[in-house]
Amino acid sequence: MKLVWSPEMAAKAFVDTVKSCELYQGSSVTELISAMAAGWNTTLIVETWCRGDMLTTSIGLAVASTHTCGRHVCIVPDEDSGTEYVASMAKYSMSPEVIVGDPETVVNELDVIDFLVVDSRKHEFARVLKAAKFGHRGAVLVCKNACSTVVSGFRLRSLFDDGGSRRIVRSVFLPVGNGLDIAHVAAVESGSGSGKVKNSKWIKRVDRESGEEFLIRK
């Protein structure tokens, strides 16, 4: 069993997010993230947020969670951030679940995350991605404001190249907004009961036109 794409769900979330974010200019990133979260029918959507951050991504993820009937969790670093976040989202009649704490610790305690959004401007974003626990259906990872990390040579795939049980099977950088680095974590093979991907040969392919990377298992 793995995440299955639903174009209809993605389209609905996209349109509803456009309506919800109509007061914001240049929110194409928000609509895209919302469409992905809904289109993959994710059940646990997790993001990180702190005071001063924009709310548009949170609004889009909240919209997506209503379409998937999933759980939307926002991790904030302190009580002040939590209070501001709750009050701001309430203006849009939205009330995501808020957890106060260190993002790296919180994602490790949450189970079956299948959609995770982080901000590359935060120094701990890579540790958060590494610490997260993903569901057996696989997961989608989204890194916002990724232009600076791409320039420095960082890619999400590099976090999972250590031979561990989870692998990135597809990744792409999209030059929208300040850049989106998106990766798909492999689903767990069924039947083994070990919760790990079976050992096999992986072949890397890169689309020369889009720059999208694929891992093909044989």
Protein backbone atom coordinates (compact mmCIF):
# COMPACT_ATOMS: atom_id res chain seq x y z
CA MET A 1 0.00 0.00 0.00
CA LYS A 2 1.36 3.43 -0.91
CA LEU A 3 0.24 7.01 -1.35
CA VAL A 4 -2.05 7.26 -4.39
CA TRP A 5 -2.48 10.49 -6.33
CA SER A 6 -5.98 11.92 -6.77
CA PRO A 7 -6.16 14.77 -9.32
CA GLU A 8 -9.74 15.55 -8.28
CA MET A 9 -8.79 16.01 -4.62
CA ALA A 10 -5.79 18.13 -5.59
CA ALA A 11 -7.92 20.38 -7.79
CA LYS A 12 -10.51 20.94 -5.06
CA ALA A 13 -7.87 21.87 -2.50
CA PHE A 14 -6.15 24.17 -5.01
CA VAL A 15 -9.35 26.09 -5.74
CA ASP A 16 -10.37 26.35 -2.08
CA THR A 17 -6.90 27.57 -1.13
CA VAL A 18 -7.03 30.26 -3.80
CA LYS A 19 -10.30 31.45 -2.30
CA SER A 20 -8.94 31.37 1.26
CA CYS A 21 -5.72 33.21 0.34
CA GLU A 22 -7.28 35.76 -1.98
CA LEU A 23 -6.00 38.60 0.18
CA TYR A 24 -2.41 37.48 -0.29
CA GLN A 25 -0.36 38.32 -3.36
CA GLY A 26 1.89 35.78 -5.05
CA SER A 27 0.70 32.80 -3.04
CA SER A 28 1.26 30.22 -5.79
CA VAL A 29 3.52 28.21 -3.47
CA THR A 30 0.67 27.84 -0.99
CA GLU A 31 -1.77 26.55 -3.57
CA LEU A 32 0.76 24.05 -4.89
CA ILE A 33 1.58 22.68 -1.43
CA SER A 34 -2.11 22.44 -0.56
CA ALA A 35 -2.86 20.58 -3.79
CA MET A 36 -0.04 18.12 -3.13
CA ALA A 37 -1.13 17.43 0.45
CA ALA A 38 -4.71 16.78 -0.64
CA GLY A 39 -3.87 15.06 -3.91
CA TRP A 40 -1.77 12.41 -2.14
CA ASN A 41 -4.66 11.90 0.33
CA THR A 42 -2.36 12.40 3.31
CA THR A 43 -3.63 11.56 6.78
CA LEU A 44 -1.02 13.31 8.95
CA ILE A 45 0.18 16.70 7.71
CA VAL A 46 2.94 18.29 9.78
CA GLU A 47 4.57 21.71 9.50
CA THR A 48 6.84 23.95 11.55
CA TRP A 49 6.09 27.60 12.31
CA CYS A 50 7.37 30.42 14.50
CA ARG A 51 6.50 34.06 15.15
CA GLY A 52 7.00 36.25 12.12
CA ASP A 53 6.39 33.49 9.57
CA MET A 54 3.70 33.86 6.92
CA LEU A 55 0.42 32.01 7.47
CA THR A 56 -0.34 31.16 3.85
CA THR A 57 1.20 27.68 3.95
CA SER A 58 -0.71 26.88 7.13
CA ILE A 59 -3.96 28.01 5.54
CA GLY A 60 -3.31 25.82 2.51
CA LEU A 61 -2.49 22.79 4.64
CA ALA A 62 -5.59 23.33 6.76
CA VAL A 63 -7.68 23.39 3.58
CA ALA A 64 -6.02 20.18 2.38
CA SER A 65 -6.70 18.40 5.68
CA THR A 66 -10.41 19.14 5.39
CA HIS A 67 -10.48 17.38 2.03
CA THR A 68 -8.52 14.34 3.21
CA CYS A 69 -10.20 14.23 6.65
CA GLY A 70 -6.65 14.09 7.96
CA ARG A 71 -4.83 15.55 10.92
CA HIS A 72 -3.00 18.87 10.52
CA VAL A 73 -0.30 19.48 13.13
CA CYS A 74 1.73 22.66 13.48
CA ILE A 75 4.87 22.55 15.62
CA VAL A 76 5.84 25.85 17.28
CA PRO A 77 8.94 26.51 19.42
CA ASP A 78 7.33 28.36 22.33
CA GLU A 79 4.03 29.37 23.94
CA ASP A 80 4.12 32.90 22.47
CA SER A 81 4.36 31.49 18.96
CA GLY A 82 1.55 29.08 19.72
CA THR A 83 -0.73 31.83 21.00
CA GLU A 84 -0.06 34.03 17.98
CA TYR A 85 -0.57 31.13 15.56
CA VAL A 86 -3.88 30.03 17.07
CA ALA A 87 -5.23 33.59 17.12
CA SER A 88 -4.16 34.25 13.53
CA MET A 89 -5.61 31.01 12.16
CA ALA A 90 -8.87 31.63 14.03
CA LYS A 91 -9.42 34.69 11.85
CA TYR A 92 -9.85 32.25 8.97
CA SER A 93 -12.06 29.93 11.05
CA MET A 94 -9.27 27.34 11.11
CA SER A 95 -7.95 25.50 14.14
CA PRO A 96 -5.07 23.12 13.38
CA GLU A 97 -3.57 21.10 16.20
CA VAL A 98 -0.65 22.97 17.77
CA ILE A 99 2.23 21.29 19.59
CA VAL A 100 4.78 23.39 21.49
CA GLY A 101 8.29 21.98 21.60
CA ASP A 102 11.52 21.30 19.79
CA PRO A 103 10.56 20.31 16.21
CA GLU A 104 13.19 17.59 16.02
CA THR A 105 11.86 15.94 19.17
CA VAL A 106 8.19 16.34 18.27
CA VAL A 107 8.42 14.80 14.78
CA ASN A 108 10.22 11.82 16.30
CA GLU A 109 7.32 11.28 18.70
CA LEU A 110 4.62 11.58 16.03
CA ASP A 111 3.69 8.42 14.14
CA VAL A 112 3.02 7.85 10.45
CA ILE A 113 3.77 11.30 9.09
CA ASP A 114 3.01 11.26 5.38
CA PHE A 115 3.34 14.97 4.54
CA LEU A 116 6.01 17.15 6.14
CA VAL A 117 6.73 20.81 5.39
CA VAL A 118 9.82 22.62 6.71
CA ASP A 119 11.49 25.96 6.05
CA SER A 120 15.10 25.86 4.87
CA ARG A 121 15.73 29.24 6.49
CA LYS A 122 15.50 27.54 9.88
CA HIS A 123 18.87 26.11 10.93
CA GLU A 124 17.35 22.87 12.27
CA PHE A 125 15.32 21.92 9.18
CA ALA A 126 17.62 19.08 8.07
CA ARG A 127 17.61 17.51 11.55
CA VAL A 128 13.82 17.69 11.62
CA LEU A 129 13.58 15.82 8.33
CA LYS A 130 16.01 13.15 9.51
CA ALA A 131 14.21 12.67 12.83
CA ALA A 132 10.72 12.29 11.35
CA LYS A 133 8.93 8.95 11.35
CA PHE A 134 7.07 8.17 8.14
CA GLY A 135 4.09 5.96 7.47
CA HIS A 136 4.17 2.62 5.66
CA ARG A 137 2.56 4.28 2.62
CA GLY A 138 5.61 6.51 2.17
CA ALA A 139 5.69 10.27 2.56
CA VAL A 140 6.07 13.57 0.75
CA LEU A 141 8.68 16.03 2.05
CA VAL A 142 8.53 19.72 1.16
CA CYS A 143 11.29 22.22 1.87
CA LYS A 144 10.23 25.86 1.41
CA ASN A 145 12.57 28.74 0.58
CA ALA A 146 14.96 26.22 -0.91
CA CYS A 147 16.78 28.48 -3.38
CA SER A 148 19.63 29.18 -0.97
CA THR A 149 20.10 25.50 -0.09
CA VAL A 150 20.15 24.46 -3.75
CA VAL A 151 22.81 27.09 -4.48
CA SER A 152 24.89 25.63 -1.64
CA GLY A 153 24.52 22.16 -3.17
CA PHE A 154 22.09 20.73 -0.59
CA ARG A 155 19.29 18.44 -1.79
CA LEU A 156 16.74 16.53 0.25
CA ARG A 157 17.93 13.25 -1.25
CA SER A 158 21.30 13.66 0.49
CA LEU A 159 19.67 13.19 3.90
CA PHE A 160 18.69 9.61 3.07
CA ASP A 161 21.77 8.40 1.21
CA ASP A 162 23.21 6.62 4.25
CA GLY A 163 21.91 3.15 3.35
CA GLY A 164 19.05 3.27 5.88
CA SER A 165 15.69 1.58 5.55
CA ARG A 166 13.97 4.57 3.95
CA ARG A 167 14.88 5.93 0.53
CA ILE A 168 13.98 8.91 -1.60
CA VAL A 169 12.51 7.49 -4.81
CA ARG A 170 11.75 10.79 -6.52
CA SER A 171 12.80 14.39 -5.98
CA VAL A 172 12.51 17.68 -7.80
CA PHE A 173 13.34 21.35 -7.28
CA LEU A 174 10.66 23.80 -8.42
CA PRO A 175 11.63 27.45 -8.98
CA VAL A 176 8.38 28.85 -7.58
CA GLY A 177 8.37 31.49 -4.89
CA ASN A 178 11.73 31.21 -3.16
CA GLY A 179 12.08 27.62 -4.33
CA LEU A 180 10.53 24.30 -3.35
CA ASP A 181 12.59 21.14 -2.84
CA ILE A 182 10.19 18.18 -2.94
CA ALA A 183 10.95 14.52 -2.32
CA HIS A 184 8.98 11.29 -2.08
CA VAL A 185 9.96 8.72 0.54
CA ALA A 186 9.50 5.10 -0.55
CA ALA A 187 6.59 3.07 0.76
CA VAL A 188 7.43 0.08 2.98
CA GLU A 189 7.27 -3.33 1.33
CA SER A 190 4.45 -5.45 2.74
CA GLY A 191 4.79 -9.04 3.88
CA SER A 192 8.10 -8.80 5.67
CA GLY A 193 6.75 -7.40 8.92
CA SER A 194 10.05 -5.65 9.52
CA GLY A 195 8.93 -2.16 8.55
CA LYS A 196 11.92 -1.83 6.22
CA VAL A 197 12.32 -1.61 2.49
CA LYS A 198 13.65 -4.84 1.01
CA ASN A 199 17.28 -4.91 -0.10
CA SER A 200 17.46 -4.46 -3.85
CA LYS A 201 19.33 -2.68 -6.59
CA TRP A 202 18.53 0.99 -7.09
CA ILE A 203 19.23 2.81 -10.36
CA LYS A 204 19.28 6.62 -10.49
CA ARG A 205 17.78 8.44 -13.45
CA VAL A 206 17.66 12.21 -14.04
CA ASP A 207 15.24 13.92 -16.42
CA ARG A 208 17.51 16.25 -18.42
CA GLU A 209 14.73 18.73 -19.18
CA SER A 210 13.14 19.12 -15.73
CA GLY A 211 16.07 18.13 -13.53
CA GLU A 212 13.76 15.70 -11.70
CA GLU A 213 15.53 12.74 -10.12
CA PHE A 214 14.14 9.19 -9.94
CA LEU A 215 15.29 6.04 -8.19
CA ILE A 216 14.15 2.85 -9.90
CA ARG A 217 14.25 -0.35 -7.83
CA LYS A 218 15.00 -3.65 -9.59
